[in-house]
N, C-alpha and C. Protein backbone atom coordinates (compact mmCIF):
# COMPACT_ATOMS: atom_id res chain seq x y z
N ALA A 1 132.84 76.96 113.62
CA ALA A 1 131.87 77.50 113.04
C ALA A 1 132.72 79.51 112.73
N LYS A 2 132.69 79.29 111.49
CA LYS A 2 132.95 80.78 111.00
C LYS A 2 132.19 81.13 110.89
N VAL A 3 131.83 82.63 111.18
CA VAL A 3 130.56 83.33 111.14
C VAL A 3 130.58 84.16 110.13
N GLY A 4 129.87 84.42 108.96
CA GLY A 4 129.61 84.82 107.92
C GLY A 4 129.19 86.49 107.88
N HIS A 5 127.78 86.30 108.10
CA HIS A 5 126.80 87.37 108.05
C HIS A 5 126.45 88.52 109.13
N ILE A 6 127.01 89.11 109.65
CA ILE A 6 126.68 89.83 110.52
C ILE A 6 125.97 91.50 110.60
N ILE A 7 124.61 91.80 110.86
CA ILE A 7 124.08 93.00 110.20
C ILE A 7 123.60 92.96 111.87
N ALA A 8 123.27 94.78 111.37
CA ALA A 8 122.01 95.26 112.78
C ALA A 8 120.72 96.14 112.14
N TRP A 9 119.89 96.02 112.59
CA TRP A 9 118.72 96.15 112.07
C TRP A 9 117.71 97.02 113.38
N ASN A 10 117.47 98.25 112.55
CA ASN A 10 116.98 99.09 113.45
C ASN A 10 114.88 98.35 113.40
N ILE A 11 114.65 97.53 114.37
CA ILE A 11 113.05 97.45 113.55
C ILE A 11 112.25 98.32 114.73
N ARG A 12 111.50 98.80 114.75
CA ARG A 12 110.80 99.81 115.37
C ARG A 12 109.73 98.74 116.37
N SER A 13 109.87 98.10 117.08
CA SER A 13 109.37 96.69 117.15
C SER A 13 108.93 95.51 116.97
N PHE A 14 109.77 94.54 117.62
CA PHE A 14 109.47 92.90 116.98
C PHE A 14 108.47 92.41 117.39
N ASN A 15 107.29 92.78 118.14
CA ASN A 15 106.25 92.48 118.47
C ASN A 15 105.44 92.33 117.25
N ASN A 16 105.00 91.39 116.61
CA ASN A 16 103.74 91.08 115.60
C ASN A 16 104.66 90.84 114.67
N LYS A 17 105.70 91.55 114.15
CA LYS A 17 107.06 91.23 113.55
C LYS A 17 107.30 89.44 113.50
N ASP A 18 107.44 88.90 114.50
CA ASP A 18 108.59 87.71 114.97
C ASP A 18 108.71 86.87 114.39
N GLN A 19 108.02 86.83 112.89
CA GLN A 19 108.36 85.00 112.02
C GLN A 19 108.78 85.98 110.65
N GLU A 20 108.04 87.43 110.32
CA GLU A 20 108.56 87.77 108.96
C GLU A 20 110.33 88.04 109.06
N VAL A 21 110.58 88.92 110.46
CA VAL A 21 112.14 88.60 110.66
C VAL A 21 112.36 87.94 110.55
N MET A 22 112.38 86.47 111.58
CA MET A 22 112.85 85.84 111.22
C MET A 22 112.48 84.87 109.46
N GLN A 23 112.23 85.02 108.57
CA GLN A 23 112.09 85.06 107.08
C GLN A 23 113.17 85.83 106.46
N GLU A 24 113.13 86.86 106.86
CA GLU A 24 113.52 87.80 106.07
C GLU A 24 115.27 86.94 106.10
N LEU A 25 116.13 87.22 107.68
CA LEU A 25 117.18 86.72 107.94
C LEU A 25 117.51 85.36 107.75
N ASN A 26 116.89 83.94 107.46
CA ASN A 26 117.25 83.38 106.99
C ASN A 26 116.94 83.25 104.95
N GLU A 27 116.60 84.25 104.06
CA GLU A 27 116.43 84.46 103.25
C GLU A 27 117.99 85.07 102.77
N HIS A 28 118.05 86.32 103.79
CA HIS A 28 119.37 86.22 103.71
C HIS A 28 120.66 85.42 103.98
N LYS A 29 120.84 85.02 105.09
CA LYS A 29 121.69 83.92 105.47
C LYS A 29 122.64 84.66 106.54
N ILE A 30 121.61 85.89 107.21
CA ILE A 30 122.17 85.89 107.98
C ILE A 30 122.44 85.61 108.86
N ASP A 31 123.92 85.55 109.89
CA ASP A 31 124.72 84.46 110.90
C ASP A 31 123.99 84.88 112.24
N ILE A 32 123.79 85.94 112.34
CA ILE A 32 123.86 87.47 113.96
C ILE A 32 123.23 88.75 113.58
N CYS A 33 122.12 89.14 113.83
CA CYS A 33 121.62 90.03 113.66
C CYS A 33 121.24 90.98 115.18
N ALA A 34 122.57 92.11 115.10
CA ALA A 34 121.26 92.63 116.33
C ALA A 34 120.43 93.65 116.06
N ILE A 35 119.42 94.05 116.55
CA ILE A 35 118.22 94.91 116.50
C ILE A 35 118.60 95.96 117.64
N GLN A 36 118.16 96.81 117.37
CA GLN A 36 117.37 97.63 118.12
C GLN A 36 116.19 98.12 117.81
N GLU A 37 115.52 99.02 119.38
CA GLU A 37 114.14 99.36 119.17
C GLU A 37 113.54 98.06 119.22
N SER A 38 113.50 97.20 119.64
CA SER A 38 112.74 95.63 120.23
C SER A 38 112.13 95.61 120.52
N ARG A 39 111.56 96.69 121.64
CA ARG A 39 110.12 96.80 122.45
C ARG A 39 109.63 95.72 123.36
N ILE A 40 110.56 94.62 123.72
CA ILE A 40 110.33 93.55 123.56
C ILE A 40 110.27 93.77 125.42
N LYS A 41 109.47 93.39 126.13
CA LYS A 41 109.58 93.13 127.31
C LYS A 41 109.86 92.68 127.63
N GLY A 42 110.68 92.41 128.90
CA GLY A 42 111.26 91.37 129.69
C GLY A 42 112.43 90.77 129.79
N LYS A 43 112.93 89.84 129.80
CA LYS A 43 114.42 89.67 129.71
C LYS A 43 114.44 87.87 129.04
N GLY A 44 115.30 87.56 128.12
CA GLY A 44 114.80 85.77 127.97
C GLY A 44 115.50 85.71 126.76
N LYS A 45 114.88 84.24 126.18
CA LYS A 45 115.51 83.42 125.23
C LYS A 45 114.09 83.29 124.36
N LYS A 46 114.09 83.01 123.31
CA LYS A 46 112.73 82.59 122.55
C LYS A 46 113.68 81.50 121.28
N GLN A 47 113.08 80.60 121.45
CA GLN A 47 113.50 80.19 119.52
C GLN A 47 113.04 79.46 118.80
N TYR A 48 113.31 80.37 117.70
CA TYR A 48 112.49 79.49 116.51
C TYR A 48 113.15 78.36 115.94
N SER A 49 112.84 77.99 114.71
CA SER A 49 113.75 77.32 113.41
C SER A 49 114.88 77.18 112.94
N ASN A 50 115.02 78.00 113.05
CA ASN A 50 116.28 78.26 112.85
C ASN A 50 117.47 79.72 113.42
N TYR A 51 117.03 80.22 114.45
CA TYR A 51 117.42 80.85 115.58
C TYR A 51 117.09 81.40 116.68
N VAL A 52 117.78 81.50 117.13
CA VAL A 52 117.82 82.10 118.80
C VAL A 52 117.84 83.36 119.18
N LEU A 53 116.54 84.39 119.24
CA LEU A 53 115.98 85.26 120.34
C LEU A 53 116.47 85.18 120.93
N ILE A 54 118.03 86.22 121.65
CA ILE A 54 118.37 86.72 123.13
C ILE A 54 117.59 88.38 123.52
N TYR A 55 116.62 88.49 123.76
CA TYR A 55 116.56 90.34 124.42
C TYR A 55 116.75 90.71 125.39
N SER A 56 117.42 91.58 125.53
CA SER A 56 116.99 92.04 126.97
C SER A 56 115.72 92.62 127.22
N GLU A 57 115.89 93.25 128.81
CA GLU A 57 115.31 94.39 129.96
C GLU A 57 114.86 95.27 129.03
N VAL A 58 113.52 95.46 129.13
CA VAL A 58 112.73 97.27 129.30
C VAL A 58 111.55 96.98 129.98
N GLU A 59 111.80 98.26 131.44
CA GLU A 59 110.82 97.72 132.70
C GLU A 59 109.69 97.57 131.83
N ARG A 60 108.37 96.97 132.96
CA ARG A 60 107.77 96.21 132.73
C ARG A 60 106.38 97.12 132.87
N GLN A 61 106.97 98.75 133.66
CA GLN A 61 105.75 99.97 134.19
C GLN A 61 106.27 100.43 132.68
N MET A 62 107.20 100.62 131.91
CA MET A 62 107.57 101.27 131.09
C MET A 62 106.50 101.35 129.84
N SER A 63 106.62 101.99 128.95
CA SER A 63 106.03 102.01 127.52
C SER A 63 107.28 101.39 126.74
N ALA A 64 107.36 100.03 126.29
CA ALA A 64 108.32 99.77 125.16
C ALA A 64 108.60 100.49 124.18
N LYS A 65 109.68 101.58 124.49
CA LYS A 65 110.10 101.75 123.16
C LYS A 65 111.44 101.08 123.11
N GLU A 66 111.84 101.06 123.83
CA GLU A 66 113.36 100.68 123.11
C GLU A 66 113.74 99.36 123.84
N GLY A 67 115.10 99.39 124.04
CA GLY A 67 115.28 97.43 124.27
C GLY A 67 116.03 96.89 123.38
N VAL A 68 116.67 96.05 123.47
CA VAL A 68 117.86 95.77 121.94
C VAL A 68 117.30 93.43 122.24
N ALA A 69 118.05 93.37 121.01
CA ALA A 69 117.88 92.24 121.29
C ALA A 69 119.09 91.54 120.21
N LEU A 70 119.08 90.27 120.42
CA LEU A 70 119.98 89.77 119.39
C LEU A 70 119.21 88.21 118.53
N THR A 71 119.12 87.48 117.05
CA THR A 71 119.54 86.74 116.91
C THR A 71 120.65 86.29 116.66
N VAL A 72 120.73 84.78 116.75
CA VAL A 72 121.82 83.47 116.42
C VAL A 72 121.90 82.84 115.99
N HIS A 73 122.21 82.31 114.69
CA HIS A 73 121.24 81.37 113.86
C HIS A 73 121.88 79.55 114.78
N ASN A 74 121.03 78.93 114.60
CA ASN A 74 120.93 77.52 115.24
C ASN A 74 122.37 77.30 115.17
N THR A 75 122.95 77.50 114.56
CA THR A 75 124.69 76.57 113.49
C THR A 75 125.64 77.30 115.75
N TYR A 76 125.31 78.24 115.90
CA TYR A 76 125.82 78.90 116.82
C TYR A 76 125.73 78.81 117.51
N ASN A 77 124.48 78.10 118.42
CA ASN A 77 123.78 77.67 119.53
C ASN A 77 124.69 77.52 121.01
N ASN A 78 125.59 76.43 120.24
CA ASN A 78 126.52 75.79 121.47
C ASN A 78 127.69 77.05 121.83
N ASN A 79 127.76 78.21 121.20
CA ASN A 79 128.38 79.25 121.38
C ASN A 79 128.63 80.49 122.40
N ILE A 80 126.83 80.34 122.93
CA ILE A 80 125.94 81.35 123.21
C ILE A 80 126.66 80.78 124.82
N LEU A 81 127.20 81.64 125.81
CA LEU A 81 127.31 81.81 127.10
C LEU A 81 125.94 82.39 127.98
N GLU A 82 125.71 82.07 128.71
CA GLU A 82 124.37 82.50 129.41
C GLU A 82 125.16 84.16 130.58
């Protein structure tokens, strides 16, 4: 599959904005979004209706003022390597 729209977004905290972010990505037909300052603690993946969110680790004892994440449209799920 050909990737169309890739963006970077300094979100200044993904927490409590996840549905709003996913709606914006969907409305603008974004395939991949690199998110800066996600402020998500831990490391892992979370599935949303049209996207998967992959996020980096911010040390749990630190206040989460940084962190990066990547959203990938479900069209490309099979191309994600762990």
